[in-house]
Amino acid sequence: MDRFAHFPSLEGRAAIITGGASGIGEALVRAFAANRAKVAFLDLQVAAGEALAASIAGTGAPPPMFVPCDLLDIADLLSALDRVRDRIGPASVLVNNAADDRRAKFDEVEPAEFDRMIGVNLRHVFFAAQRVLPQMRELGHGSIINMTSGSWVRGVPNLEAYGSAKAAIVGLTNVLARDVGKDRIRVNAIMPGAIMTDKQRKLWFRDQAAIDAMVAQQCLPDPVPPEDVARMALFLAADDSRYITKQVMAVNGGLN
């Protein structure tokens, strides 16, 4: 028996997840589907997205809707969100997960690359929330969960553009929560730590020594898996957290 919490209030609710084909996003899609939500996820990785949807369908959970989408193209994003609405109904949950933590030396960042980093880490978050909010108002409730990062708090080198976008997400979360609270729509952020996804292992934590060095900076002695970030998102999406809004929830093992 699974020893982790199940959230009955999520059953049958429409949940949208951006960047859902891999990493934390994949854990999010699997977690919401296991809680029997009607899941739709957007991603540019077509093969991975189709494989994930098929994998979940084979578990007996409600099969998720995968929508290929370039989140840098806002028109494509809005069209995808409209298609999701038409198929699974108004969204109760939006998890703005998609991001790219590409490193670059500060002196070498060109305007085009800066604009791309803001686009892939912040711009789509703003406009996805804008598109989905009327659906939540129609329902009379909703939960928007924005993924920020501890990198801007800690001051990780070579992440100035990424850190700027992720810090701005906290500002957006705070202001939007105040604005839509009257509609019983909650807006929170999750701040993951060094989550050991396949991408992180491939790019930044290529050997056990690198992983151990990062974990040594935590209070807890084990790497944080993506599934634990997904569990926080489930809680923030469910009625169990109905009076929690305008908060940043760290899932980082106590990382400094």
Protein backbone atom coordinates (compact mmCIF):
# COMPACT_ATOMS: atom_id res chain seq x y z
CA MET A 1 0.00 0.00 0.00
CA ASP A 2 1.22 3.49 -0.88
CA ARG A 3 2.22 5.20 2.38
CA PHE A 4 1.72 8.70 1.01
CA ALA A 5 -1.46 10.78 1.16
CA HIS A 6 -4.24 10.54 -1.40
CA PHE A 7 -6.41 13.62 -2.05
CA PRO A 8 -10.04 12.77 -2.86
CA SER A 9 -10.90 16.39 -3.68
CA LEU A 10 -8.72 16.17 -6.80
CA GLU A 11 -10.70 13.34 -8.35
CA GLY A 12 -12.39 14.46 -11.55
CA ARG A 13 -10.91 17.95 -11.45
CA ALA A 14 -9.12 19.29 -14.50
CA ALA A 15 -5.43 19.95 -13.85
CA ILE A 16 -3.05 21.53 -16.37
CA ILE A 17 0.71 21.05 -16.07
CA THR A 18 3.28 22.80 -18.27
CA GLY A 19 6.57 21.10 -19.07
CA GLY A 20 5.09 17.76 -18.06
CA ALA A 21 6.98 15.29 -20.24
CA SER A 22 10.09 14.80 -18.10
CA GLY A 23 11.75 15.56 -14.78
CA ILE A 24 9.62 17.22 -12.11
CA GLY A 25 6.89 17.65 -14.70
CA GLU A 26 6.63 13.91 -15.29
CA ALA A 27 6.35 13.34 -11.53
CA LEU A 28 3.58 15.94 -11.41
CA VAL A 29 1.62 14.33 -14.24
CA ARG A 30 1.91 10.89 -12.68
CA ALA A 31 0.91 12.17 -9.23
CA PHE A 32 -2.19 14.03 -10.38
CA ALA A 33 -3.27 11.12 -12.58
CA ALA A 34 -2.81 8.71 -9.64
CA ASN A 35 -5.14 10.97 -7.66
CA ARG A 36 -7.64 10.56 -10.51
CA ALA A 37 -7.57 14.14 -11.72
CA LYS A 38 -8.27 14.86 -15.38
CA VAL A 39 -4.73 15.80 -16.37
CA ALA A 40 -3.55 17.72 -19.42
CA PHE A 41 0.11 18.47 -19.89
CA LEU A 42 1.95 20.69 -22.36
CA ASP A 43 5.46 20.09 -23.61
CA LEU A 44 7.69 20.47 -26.65
CA GLN A 45 9.11 16.94 -26.23
CA VAL A 46 6.66 14.99 -28.38
CA ALA A 47 8.11 11.48 -28.08
CA ALA A 48 8.53 11.75 -24.31
CA GLY A 49 5.07 13.25 -23.89
CA GLU A 50 3.36 10.54 -25.92
CA ALA A 51 5.28 7.81 -24.08
CA LEU A 52 4.31 9.23 -20.69
CA ALA A 53 0.63 9.47 -21.63
CA ALA A 54 0.67 5.87 -22.83
CA SER A 55 2.49 4.69 -19.72
CA ILE A 56 -0.07 6.27 -17.39
CA ALA A 57 -2.99 4.97 -19.44
CA GLY A 58 -1.60 1.48 -18.87
CA THR A 59 -1.82 1.86 -15.08
CA GLY A 60 -5.59 2.18 -14.96
CA ALA A 61 -5.43 5.84 -13.95
CA PRO A 62 -7.37 8.35 -16.06
CA PRO A 63 -5.30 8.74 -19.25
CA PRO A 64 -3.79 12.23 -19.44
CA MET A 65 -4.15 14.53 -22.42
CA PHE A 66 -0.79 15.41 -23.96
CA VAL A 67 -0.65 18.61 -26.02
CA PRO A 68 2.57 19.41 -27.91
CA CYS A 69 3.23 23.09 -27.36
CA ASP A 70 6.03 25.64 -27.72
CA LEU A 71 5.64 27.77 -24.60
CA LEU A 72 7.82 30.48 -26.13
CA ASP A 73 5.01 31.01 -28.65
CA ILE A 74 2.22 32.60 -26.61
CA ALA A 75 -0.32 32.14 -29.40
CA ASP A 76 0.48 28.42 -29.42
CA LEU A 77 0.17 28.31 -25.62
CA LEU A 78 -3.23 29.99 -25.61
CA SER A 79 -4.48 27.74 -28.39
CA ALA A 80 -3.33 24.68 -26.44
CA LEU A 81 -5.08 25.86 -23.29
CA ASP A 82 -8.29 26.42 -25.25
CA ARG A 83 -8.10 22.88 -26.65
CA VAL A 84 -7.63 21.52 -23.15
CA ARG A 85 -10.70 23.43 -21.96
CA ASP A 86 -12.77 22.04 -24.82
CA ARG A 87 -11.77 18.46 -24.00
CA ILE A 88 -11.59 18.18 -20.20
CA GLY A 89 -13.51 21.23 -19.03
CA PRO A 90 -12.58 24.29 -16.98
CA ALA A 91 -9.34 24.00 -15.06
CA SER A 92 -9.35 23.74 -11.28
CA VAL A 93 -5.56 23.50 -11.15
CA LEU A 94 -2.72 25.08 -13.11
CA VAL A 95 0.86 24.07 -12.36
CA ASN A 96 3.29 26.37 -14.14
CA ASN A 97 6.24 24.01 -14.09
CA ALA A 98 8.12 24.45 -17.37
CA ALA A 99 11.56 26.05 -17.08
CA ASP A 100 15.14 25.95 -18.34
CA ASP A 101 18.06 26.53 -15.96
CA ARG A 102 20.66 27.03 -18.68
CA ARG A 103 23.89 28.49 -17.32
CA ALA A 104 25.78 31.38 -18.93
CA LYS A 105 28.52 33.76 -17.81
CA PHE A 106 26.95 37.11 -16.98
CA ASP A 107 29.30 39.09 -19.23
CA GLU A 108 28.40 36.90 -22.19
CA VAL A 109 24.61 37.01 -22.08
CA GLU A 110 23.25 38.64 -25.24
CA PRO A 111 19.82 40.34 -25.35
CA ALA A 112 18.33 37.54 -27.45
CA GLU A 113 19.40 34.91 -24.92
CA PHE A 114 18.12 37.02 -22.04
CA ASP A 115 14.76 37.36 -23.78
CA ARG A 116 14.64 33.61 -24.35
CA MET A 117 15.35 32.88 -20.69
CA ILE A 118 12.63 35.27 -19.56
CA GLY A 119 10.29 33.69 -22.11
CA VAL A 120 10.90 30.10 -21.11
CA ASN A 121 10.94 30.78 -17.36
CA LEU A 122 8.45 33.62 -16.77
CA ARG A 123 6.45 34.91 -19.73
CA HIS A 124 4.37 31.79 -20.31
CA VAL A 125 3.62 31.59 -16.56
CA PHE A 126 1.97 35.02 -16.70
CA PHE A 127 -0.12 34.32 -19.79
CA ALA A 128 -1.12 30.77 -18.84
CA ALA A 129 -2.51 32.09 -15.56
CA GLN A 130 -4.27 34.91 -17.40
CA ARG A 131 -5.96 32.42 -19.75
CA VAL A 132 -7.01 29.97 -17.08
CA LEU A 133 -8.32 32.42 -14.47
CA PRO A 134 -11.72 32.91 -16.14
CA GLN A 135 -12.23 29.14 -15.99
CA MET A 136 -11.51 29.11 -12.26
CA ARG A 137 -13.86 32.04 -11.71
CA GLU A 138 -16.53 30.05 -13.54
CA LEU A 139 -15.98 27.16 -11.12
CA GLY A 140 -15.84 29.39 -8.07
CA HIS A 141 -12.47 28.07 -6.97
CA GLY A 142 -9.00 27.21 -8.23
CA SER A 143 -5.34 26.70 -7.40
CA ILE A 144 -2.43 28.13 -9.38
CA ILE A 145 0.96 26.72 -8.46
CA ASN A 146 4.05 28.45 -9.84
CA MET A 147 7.46 26.83 -9.76
CA THR A 148 10.20 29.15 -8.55
CA SER A 149 13.77 28.16 -7.55
CA GLY A 150 16.12 28.44 -4.63
CA SER A 151 18.93 29.45 -6.98
CA TRP A 152 18.13 33.16 -6.78
CA VAL A 153 17.94 33.03 -2.98
CA ARG A 154 21.28 31.27 -2.68
CA GLY A 155 22.91 33.28 -5.48
CA VAL A 156 24.08 30.46 -7.75
CA PRO A 157 26.72 31.75 -10.22
CA ASN A 158 25.95 31.90 -13.95
CA LEU A 159 22.19 31.84 -13.36
CA GLU A 160 21.52 35.58 -13.44
CA ALA A 161 18.88 35.44 -16.19
CA TYR A 162 17.23 32.31 -14.80
CA GLY A 163 17.38 33.65 -11.25
CA SER A 164 15.82 36.95 -12.32
CA ALA A 165 12.88 35.12 -13.88
CA LYS A 166 12.42 32.80 -10.93
CA ALA A 167 12.52 35.68 -8.45
CA ALA A 168 9.90 37.48 -10.54
CA ILE A 169 7.65 34.43 -10.24
CA VAL A 170 7.48 35.02 -6.48
CA GLY A 171 6.44 38.61 -7.12
CA LEU A 172 3.77 37.48 -9.58
CA THR A 173 2.55 34.87 -7.11
CA ASN A 174 2.17 37.40 -4.29
CA VAL A 175 0.40 40.05 -6.33
CA LEU A 176 -1.90 37.65 -8.16
CA ALA A 177 -2.87 35.88 -4.93
CA ARG A 178 -4.01 39.20 -3.50
CA ASP A 179 -5.90 40.05 -6.68
CA VAL A 180 -7.87 36.80 -7.12
CA GLY A 181 -8.36 35.70 -3.52
CA LYS A 182 -11.84 37.26 -3.52
CA ASP A 183 -12.77 34.66 -6.17
CA ARG A 184 -11.58 31.81 -3.92
CA ILE A 185 -8.63 31.23 -6.23
CA ARG A 186 -5.36 30.49 -4.48
CA VAL A 187 -1.89 31.22 -5.85
CA ASN A 188 1.21 29.67 -4.33
CA ALA A 189 4.76 28.88 -5.37
CA ILE A 190 6.97 25.86 -4.82
CA MET A 191 10.70 26.36 -4.42
CA PRO A 192 12.48 23.09 -5.21
CA GLY A 193 16.06 22.54 -4.16
CA ALA A 194 18.58 20.44 -6.07
CA ILE A 195 16.16 17.87 -7.47
CA MET A 196 18.04 14.97 -9.01
CA THR A 197 16.19 14.56 -12.30
CA ASP A 198 17.79 12.82 -15.27
CA LYS A 199 18.48 16.24 -16.82
CA GLN A 200 20.22 17.54 -13.70
CA ARG A 201 22.35 14.41 -13.47
CA LYS A 202 23.31 14.69 -17.12
CA LEU A 203 24.17 18.40 -17.10
CA TRP A 204 25.25 19.43 -13.60
CA PHE A 205 25.60 16.42 -11.28
CA ARG A 206 27.48 13.97 -13.45
CA ASP A 207 29.04 11.85 -10.73
CA GLN A 208 28.35 10.80 -7.16
CA ALA A 209 30.89 13.27 -5.79
CA ALA A 210 28.92 16.20 -7.25
CA ILE A 211 25.68 14.84 -5.82
CA ASP A 212 27.26 14.27 -2.42
CA ALA A 213 28.65 17.82 -2.36
CA MET A 214 25.18 19.26 -2.96
CA VAL A 215 23.46 17.00 -0.45
CA ALA A 216 26.07 17.96 2.15
CA GLN A 217 24.63 21.50 2.06
CA GLN A 218 21.18 20.24 3.07
CA CYS A 219 19.92 19.60 6.59
CA LEU A 220 18.63 16.19 5.49
CA PRO A 221 21.16 13.66 4.22
CA ASP A 222 19.40 12.35 1.09
CA PRO A 223 18.83 13.72 -2.42
CA VAL A 224 15.34 15.15 -2.95
CA PRO A 225 13.42 13.17 -5.59
CA PRO A 226 10.97 14.82 -8.04
CA GLU A 227 8.09 12.88 -6.47
CA ASP A 228 8.39 14.92 -3.28
CA VAL A 229 7.91 18.15 -5.22
CA ALA A 230 4.83 16.59 -6.81
CA ARG A 231 3.45 15.71 -3.37
CA MET A 232 3.65 19.34 -2.33
CA ALA A 233 1.84 20.33 -5.52
CA LEU A 234 -0.92 17.80 -4.79
CA PHE A 235 -1.41 19.31 -1.33
CA LEU A 236 -1.51 22.87 -2.67
CA ALA A 237 -3.99 21.85 -5.37
CA ALA A 238 -6.32 19.96 -3.03
CA ASP A 239 -8.98 21.27 -0.69
CA ASP A 240 -6.74 20.26 2.24
CA SER A 241 -4.86 23.54 1.66
CA ARG A 242 -7.94 25.66 1.00
CA TYR A 243 -6.77 28.48 3.28
CA ILE A 244 -3.18 28.52 2.06
CA THR A 245 -2.38 31.19 -0.52
CA LYS A 246 0.39 33.72 -1.29
CA GLN A 247 3.03 31.33 0.08
CA VAL A 248 6.35 29.93 -1.14
CA MET A 249 6.82 26.32 -0.07
CA ALA A 250 10.41 25.06 -0.11
CA VAL A 251 11.00 21.39 -0.91
CA ASN A 252 14.76 21.26 -0.60
CA GLY A 253 15.87 19.13 2.34
CA GLY A 254 16.89 22.30 4.17
CA LEU A 255 19.36 23.39 1.49
CA ASN A 256 21.32 26.47 2.54
